[in-house]
Amino acid sequence: MPHVIFHKNGQTYSADVPLRTNLVVKAGIKQFPFPHLSYGCGMGKCAKCACKVLQGGEQLPPANWKEKKQLGAHLAGGYRLACQLWLEHDIELLQDAEPLASAVTPGAGA
């Protein structure tokens, strides 16, 4: 069972989650502590669920095309889209108080 540590607004939340859990799904059904996770579309189109991976990033699969498109240079800073991650290992995440701006330019075929 993966253990998740989630930081937001100076608060820390942690929980064990079932294998292959998606945190945006957990947030959507209001399962503690993940209602505090900001998200929008849940499909990798808006970057509102972007989180900085503090620990456990080496266990994640490489970023997919949606993450590359939405996050751009933020990927190198350790950011990933929570909606695109199905957790199989322990992870520690930080979500900024304000949503990360998408790397996609509005009106550019997003």
Protein backbone atom coordinates (compact mmCIF):
# COMPACT_ATOMS: atom_id res chain seq x y z
CA MET A 1 0.00 0.00 0.00
CA PRO A 2 1.58 3.31 -1.01
CA HIS A 3 1.92 5.95 1.68
CA VAL A 4 1.18 9.51 0.53
CA ILE A 5 2.37 12.66 2.27
CA PHE A 6 0.71 15.77 0.84
CA HIS A 7 1.64 19.36 1.73
CA LYS A 8 -0.55 22.38 0.98
CA ASN A 9 -1.02 25.80 2.59
CA GLY A 10 1.40 24.98 5.41
CA GLN A 11 -0.54 21.83 6.35
CA THR A 12 0.57 18.21 5.96
CA TYR A 13 -1.80 15.34 5.28
CA SER A 14 -0.84 11.69 5.04
CA ALA A 15 -2.56 8.41 4.36
CA ASP A 16 -2.01 4.94 3.01
CA VAL A 17 -3.85 4.42 -0.26
CA PRO A 18 -4.69 1.28 -2.23
CA LEU A 19 -2.26 0.26 -4.96
CA ARG A 20 -2.78 2.15 -8.26
CA THR A 21 -4.69 4.98 -6.57
CA ASN A 22 -5.16 8.22 -8.47
CA LEU A 23 -5.26 11.18 -6.05
CA VAL A 24 -7.56 13.27 -8.26
CA VAL A 25 -10.12 10.46 -8.13
CA LYS A 26 -9.75 10.39 -4.31
CA ALA A 27 -10.22 14.17 -4.18
CA GLY A 28 -13.28 13.97 -6.42
CA ILE A 29 -15.04 11.53 -4.10
CA LYS A 30 -13.98 13.57 -1.02
CA GLN A 31 -11.88 10.89 0.65
CA PHE A 32 -9.70 12.38 3.40
CA PRO A 33 -7.15 13.87 3.17
CA PHE A 34 -7.27 14.45 -0.55
CA PRO A 35 -10.22 16.89 -0.82
CA HIS A 36 -7.48 19.50 -0.24
CA LEU A 37 -5.91 18.64 -3.61
CA SER A 38 -6.80 21.26 -6.24
CA TYR A 39 -7.79 19.85 -9.61
CA GLY A 40 -9.82 20.78 -12.65
CA CYS A 41 -10.44 18.50 -15.60
CA GLY A 42 -8.84 15.26 -14.35
CA MET A 43 -7.64 14.54 -17.88
CA GLY A 44 -4.29 16.32 -18.13
CA LYS A 45 -5.66 19.37 -19.93
CA CYS A 46 -5.50 22.14 -17.31
CA ALA A 47 -2.50 21.63 -14.94
CA LYS A 48 -4.56 22.64 -11.87
CA CYS A 49 -3.51 19.40 -10.14
CA ALA A 50 0.22 20.02 -10.65
CA CYS A 51 2.31 19.05 -7.63
CA LYS A 52 6.00 19.13 -6.90
CA VAL A 53 7.32 15.67 -6.10
CA LEU A 54 9.46 15.96 -2.97
CA GLN A 55 10.19 12.24 -2.53
CA GLY A 56 9.41 9.14 -4.54
CA GLY A 57 9.78 10.64 -8.00
CA GLU A 58 12.34 8.03 -8.99
CA GLN A 59 9.59 5.40 -8.69
CA LEU A 60 7.20 7.20 -11.06
CA PRO A 61 6.95 6.37 -14.75
CA PRO A 62 8.32 8.97 -17.17
CA ALA A 63 6.07 11.95 -17.83
CA ASN A 64 3.51 11.29 -20.56
CA TRP A 65 2.76 13.62 -23.48
CA LYS A 66 -0.01 15.42 -21.54
CA GLU A 67 2.38 16.26 -18.70
CA LYS A 68 5.06 17.40 -21.14
CA LYS A 69 2.56 19.64 -22.91
CA GLN A 70 1.00 21.13 -19.77
CA LEU A 71 4.06 21.43 -17.55
CA GLY A 72 6.81 22.27 -20.03
CA ALA A 73 9.89 23.49 -18.13
CA HIS A 74 8.17 22.80 -14.78
CA LEU A 75 8.87 19.09 -15.32
CA ALA A 76 12.58 19.75 -14.75
CA GLY A 77 11.60 21.42 -11.45
CA GLY A 78 10.03 18.18 -10.22
CA TYR A 79 6.38 18.92 -11.02
CA ARG A 80 3.93 16.26 -12.20
CA LEU A 81 0.17 16.19 -12.86
CA ALA A 82 -1.57 14.25 -10.09
CA CYS A 83 -4.35 13.25 -12.48
CA GLN A 84 -1.83 11.33 -14.59
CA LEU A 85 -0.30 9.34 -11.73
CA TRP A 86 -1.52 5.94 -10.56
CA LEU A 87 0.47 5.39 -7.38
CA GLU A 88 2.37 2.18 -6.80
CA HIS A 89 5.01 3.47 -4.34
CA ASP A 90 5.31 5.90 -1.43
CA ILE A 91 5.34 9.55 -2.49
CA GLU A 92 5.57 13.01 -0.95
CA LEU A 93 3.95 15.91 -2.81
CA LEU A 94 3.69 19.66 -2.41
CA GLN A 95 0.92 21.60 -4.11
CA ASP A 96 1.37 25.35 -4.38
CA ALA A 97 -1.38 27.56 -2.94
CA GLU A 98 -2.00 28.99 -6.41
CA PRO A 99 -2.38 26.61 -9.35
CA LEU A 100 0.66 26.28 -11.55
CA ALA A 101 0.20 28.08 -14.87
CA SER A 102 -0.07 25.69 -17.78
CA ALA A 103 2.76 25.82 -20.30
CA VAL A 104 0.11 25.79 -23.05
CA THR A 105 -0.54 29.21 -24.55
CA PRO A 106 -4.30 29.98 -24.53
CA GLY A 107 -5.76 29.78 -28.02
CA ALA A 108 -2.84 27.70 -29.29
CA GLY A 109 -4.84 24.53 -29.81
CA ALA A 110 -4.92 23.38 -26.21
